[in-house]
Amino acid sequence: MSDDSTPQTLDRLIEGYRRFREVGWNPHLERWKSLREGQQPEVMIIACSDSRVDPSQIFDVAPGEIFVVRNVAALVPPFETTPGHHGVSAALEFAVQVLKVKEIMVMGHGMCGGCKAALTQELHGAEPGEGGFVADWIGLLDEARAPIAEELGTQGRSAEIAMEQAAVRVSLSNLRTFPCVRQKTENGELKLRGGFFAISDGALHLLDEETGTFSPAA
């Protein structure tokens, strides 16, 4: 029995591709030509894989303007040299050491499923392939979760927002454990920023690290 959803989904993607060729490629050939020789983005954005929070769309940028890494809950692991596949660390190393970006923004968001799972621990004990990979990844938030769960519980938007915003702070803290990031921030070559995109109203909030609070962007 055939699955009619697959051709329909592909058709929508091809339609989008045709619109891109019409309005995103042909009118901007010079821009695309300049990118053949390489990329020189000044900003790296670490965002969630959630389909509702595409940084290129939120910031309305042209191709080549931002270097983006997306993963569950927009997390950055701490610097470590243990064997394994360190995808986020590799992308960070490339952005900082090769592309020499000037700013890195960690952008969390509202209604984040990864942060909610970290809060409720609903995947705790799951096997790899059955939720275990996600559980292990969001375990990076366990330490930050504890005071939130104690004060606000593990249900409801107040607790979820606190977890979502705490995740940004955790990733910023972990960024600073990378020697190349620490060195460049200390000598003024690199700036770290925290952001939070609220899906409910489309507003971007920026983190003031001195106060630890998020405020709407001007």
Protein backbone atom coordinates (compact mmCIF):
# COMPACT_ATOMS: atom_id res chain seq x y z
CA MET A 1 0.00 0.00 0.00
CA SER A 2 1.51 3.31 -1.07
CA ASP A 3 1.94 6.24 1.27
CA ASP A 4 0.35 9.27 -0.40
CA SER A 5 1.91 11.66 2.13
CA THR A 6 5.42 11.25 0.72
CA PRO A 7 4.78 12.60 -2.80
CA GLN A 8 2.67 15.44 -1.37
CA THR A 9 5.44 16.43 1.01
CA LEU A 10 8.03 16.24 -1.76
CA ASP A 11 5.78 18.28 -4.04
CA ARG A 12 5.62 21.05 -1.44
CA LEU A 13 9.39 21.04 -1.11
CA ILE A 14 9.87 21.22 -4.88
CA GLU A 15 7.38 24.08 -5.07
CA GLY A 16 9.38 25.88 -2.42
CA TYR A 17 12.58 25.18 -4.32
CA ARG A 18 11.07 26.74 -7.45
CA ARG A 19 10.10 29.86 -5.49
CA PHE A 20 13.64 30.01 -4.15
CA ARG A 21 15.06 29.88 -7.68
CA GLU A 22 12.71 32.67 -8.71
CA VAL A 23 13.10 35.06 -5.78
CA GLY A 24 16.14 33.84 -3.82
CA TRP A 25 18.61 32.76 -6.49
CA ASN A 26 18.12 34.51 -9.84
CA PRO A 27 17.72 38.07 -8.47
CA HIS A 28 20.80 37.65 -6.25
CA LEU A 29 23.29 35.96 -8.54
CA GLU A 30 26.10 38.32 -7.57
CA ARG A 31 25.63 37.45 -3.92
CA TRP A 32 25.73 33.73 -4.65
CA LYS A 33 28.72 34.19 -6.95
CA SER A 34 30.65 35.86 -4.13
CA LEU A 35 29.96 32.86 -1.89
CA ARG A 36 31.60 30.41 -4.28
CA GLU A 37 34.99 31.38 -2.94
CA GLY A 38 34.02 30.68 0.68
CA GLN A 39 32.06 32.06 3.60
CA GLN A 40 32.80 34.87 6.02
CA PRO A 41 29.96 34.99 8.55
CA GLU A 42 30.61 37.20 11.56
CA VAL A 43 28.01 35.55 13.78
CA MET A 44 27.48 31.98 14.92
CA ILE A 45 24.06 31.02 16.23
CA ILE A 46 23.47 27.89 18.28
CA ALA A 47 19.77 27.14 18.12
CA CYS A 48 17.30 24.34 18.66
CA SER A 49 16.40 21.84 15.96
CA ASP A 50 12.73 22.71 16.50
CA SER A 51 11.13 23.38 13.10
CA ARG A 52 9.47 26.57 14.40
CA VAL A 53 12.65 28.47 15.21
CA ASP A 54 14.75 28.88 12.07
CA PRO A 55 17.42 31.52 12.83
CA SER A 56 17.67 32.59 9.18
CA GLN A 57 13.96 33.36 9.18
CA ILE A 58 13.88 35.01 12.59
CA PHE A 59 16.81 37.31 11.81
CA ASP A 60 15.94 37.74 8.13
CA VAL A 61 19.52 37.28 6.96
CA ALA A 62 21.00 36.65 3.54
CA PRO A 63 22.94 33.48 2.68
CA GLY A 64 26.43 33.56 4.17
CA GLU A 65 25.60 35.95 7.02
CA ILE A 66 25.28 33.52 9.92
CA PHE A 67 26.88 30.18 10.75
CA VAL A 68 24.23 28.01 12.37
CA VAL A 69 24.36 24.90 14.52
CA ARG A 70 21.06 23.38 15.60
CA ASN A 71 20.46 20.57 18.06
CA VAL A 72 17.95 19.47 20.68
CA ALA A 73 17.44 22.37 23.13
CA ALA A 74 20.27 24.47 21.62
CA LEU A 75 22.80 22.92 23.99
CA VAL A 76 26.57 23.26 24.11
CA PRO A 77 28.42 20.50 25.96
CA PRO A 78 31.41 21.42 28.13
CA PHE A 79 34.89 21.16 26.65
CA GLU A 80 36.13 17.58 26.85
CA THR A 81 38.65 15.44 25.02
CA THR A 82 37.19 12.01 25.66
CA PRO A 83 36.77 9.74 22.63
CA GLY A 84 33.53 10.20 20.75
CA HIS A 85 31.83 12.23 18.07
CA HIS A 86 31.73 15.84 19.21
CA GLY A 87 29.54 17.49 16.58
CA VAL A 88 28.77 20.73 18.39
CA SER A 89 32.35 21.08 19.58
CA ALA A 90 33.64 20.56 16.03
CA ALA A 91 31.31 23.21 14.62
CA LEU A 92 32.27 25.60 17.41
CA GLU A 93 35.97 25.02 16.80
CA PHE A 94 35.50 25.65 13.08
CA ALA A 95 33.51 28.84 13.64
CA VAL A 96 35.93 30.31 16.17
CA GLN A 97 39.28 29.15 14.83
CA VAL A 98 38.71 29.03 11.07
CA LEU A 99 35.86 31.41 10.29
CA LYS A 100 36.85 33.68 13.18
CA VAL A 101 33.31 34.75 13.99
CA LYS A 102 33.00 37.84 16.17
CA GLU A 103 29.87 36.86 18.07
CA ILE A 104 28.17 33.68 19.21
CA MET A 105 24.52 33.69 20.22
CA VAL A 106 22.88 30.80 22.03
CA MET A 107 19.18 31.10 21.20
CA GLY A 108 16.68 29.14 23.25
CA HIS A 109 12.95 29.27 22.62
CA GLY A 110 9.53 28.86 24.13
CA MET A 111 7.64 25.56 24.02
CA CYS A 112 10.94 23.64 23.76
CA GLY A 113 10.28 19.90 23.89
CA GLY A 114 13.86 19.11 24.87
CA CYS A 115 13.78 21.47 27.85
CA LYS A 116 10.38 20.15 28.88
CA ALA A 117 11.71 16.59 28.82
CA ALA A 118 14.71 17.72 30.86
CA LEU A 119 12.34 19.22 33.41
CA THR A 120 9.97 16.26 33.68
CA GLN A 121 12.68 13.62 33.13
CA GLU A 122 10.07 11.67 31.19
CA LEU A 123 12.77 9.97 29.10
CA HIS A 124 14.91 9.00 32.08
CA GLY A 125 16.02 5.40 31.74
CA ALA A 126 15.00 5.05 28.09
CA GLU A 127 17.10 2.89 25.80
CA PRO A 128 19.09 4.42 22.91
CA GLY A 129 16.80 4.60 19.91
CA GLU A 130 13.79 4.76 22.23
CA GLY A 131 14.56 8.16 23.73
CA GLY A 132 17.85 7.31 25.38
CA PHE A 133 19.97 9.49 23.10
CA VAL A 134 17.77 12.48 23.89
CA ALA A 135 17.78 11.70 27.60
CA ASP A 136 21.56 11.54 27.66
CA TRP A 137 21.85 14.83 25.75
CA ILE A 138 19.43 16.82 27.88
CA GLY A 139 21.11 15.39 30.95
CA LEU A 140 23.40 18.39 30.46
CA LEU A 141 20.63 20.34 32.17
CA ASP A 142 20.27 18.16 35.27
CA GLU A 143 22.18 20.51 37.56
CA ALA A 144 20.21 23.55 36.40
CA ARG A 145 16.95 21.62 36.66
CA ALA A 146 17.18 20.84 40.36
CA PRO A 147 16.47 24.32 41.82
CA ILE A 148 13.75 24.97 39.23
CA ALA A 149 11.96 21.72 40.07
CA GLU A 150 12.25 22.47 43.76
CA GLU A 151 10.85 25.99 43.48
CA LEU A 152 8.36 25.71 40.60
CA GLY A 153 7.73 22.00 40.18
CA THR A 154 8.00 20.16 36.89
CA GLN A 155 4.72 21.14 35.24
CA GLY A 156 3.29 24.37 33.84
CA ARG A 157 4.66 27.23 31.77
CA SER A 158 6.39 29.04 34.63
CA ALA A 159 8.63 26.05 35.28
CA GLU A 160 9.09 25.38 31.56
CA ILE A 161 10.13 28.97 30.80
CA ALA A 162 12.58 28.90 33.71
CA MET A 163 14.08 25.68 32.30
CA GLU A 164 14.20 27.04 28.74
CA GLN A 165 16.03 30.16 29.84
CA ALA A 166 18.30 28.27 32.22
CA ALA A 167 19.38 26.12 29.27
CA VAL A 168 20.72 29.23 27.54
CA ARG A 169 22.77 30.13 30.60
CA VAL A 170 24.12 26.56 30.84
CA SER A 171 25.26 26.63 27.21
CA LEU A 172 26.91 30.02 27.65
CA SER A 173 28.73 28.73 30.71
CA ASN A 174 29.85 25.63 28.80
CA LEU A 175 31.05 27.76 25.90
CA ARG A 176 33.50 29.43 28.25
CA THR A 177 35.08 26.08 29.11
CA PHE A 178 36.55 25.93 25.59
CA PRO A 179 40.07 27.40 25.70
CA CYS A 180 39.76 29.07 22.29
CA VAL A 181 36.48 30.74 23.30
CA ARG A 182 37.78 31.83 26.69
CA GLN A 183 40.93 33.33 25.19
CA LYS A 184 39.09 35.25 22.50
CA THR A 185 36.42 36.59 24.83
CA GLU A 186 39.06 37.77 27.28
CA ASN A 187 40.99 39.70 24.61
CA GLY A 188 37.87 41.19 23.05
CA GLU A 189 37.89 39.23 19.79
CA LEU A 190 34.69 37.34 20.57
CA LYS A 191 31.38 38.28 22.20
CA LEU A 192 28.93 35.75 23.67
CA ARG A 193 25.21 36.49 23.80
CA GLY A 194 22.11 34.72 25.03
CA GLY A 195 18.75 34.96 23.29
CA PHE A 196 15.27 33.55 23.78
CA PHE A 197 12.61 33.46 21.06
CA ALA A 198 9.03 33.30 22.29
CA ILE A 199 6.98 31.31 19.80
CA SER A 200 3.75 32.53 21.40
CA ASP A 201 4.25 36.15 20.29
CA GLY A 202 7.29 36.10 18.02
CA ALA A 203 9.34 38.28 20.37
CA LEU A 204 13.09 37.94 20.80
CA HIS A 205 14.49 38.44 24.30
CA LEU A 206 18.16 39.08 25.06
CA LEU A 207 20.03 37.98 28.15
CA ASP A 208 21.69 40.48 30.46
CA GLU A 209 24.37 38.25 31.99
CA GLU A 210 25.01 40.66 34.85
CA THR A 211 21.43 40.36 36.10
CA GLY A 212 20.68 36.96 34.61
CA THR A 213 17.39 38.23 33.16
CA PHE A 214 15.97 38.27 29.64
CA SER A 215 14.43 41.45 28.23
CA PRO A 216 12.69 42.10 24.87
CA ALA A 217 15.05 43.23 22.14
CA ALA A 218 14.59 46.86 21.17
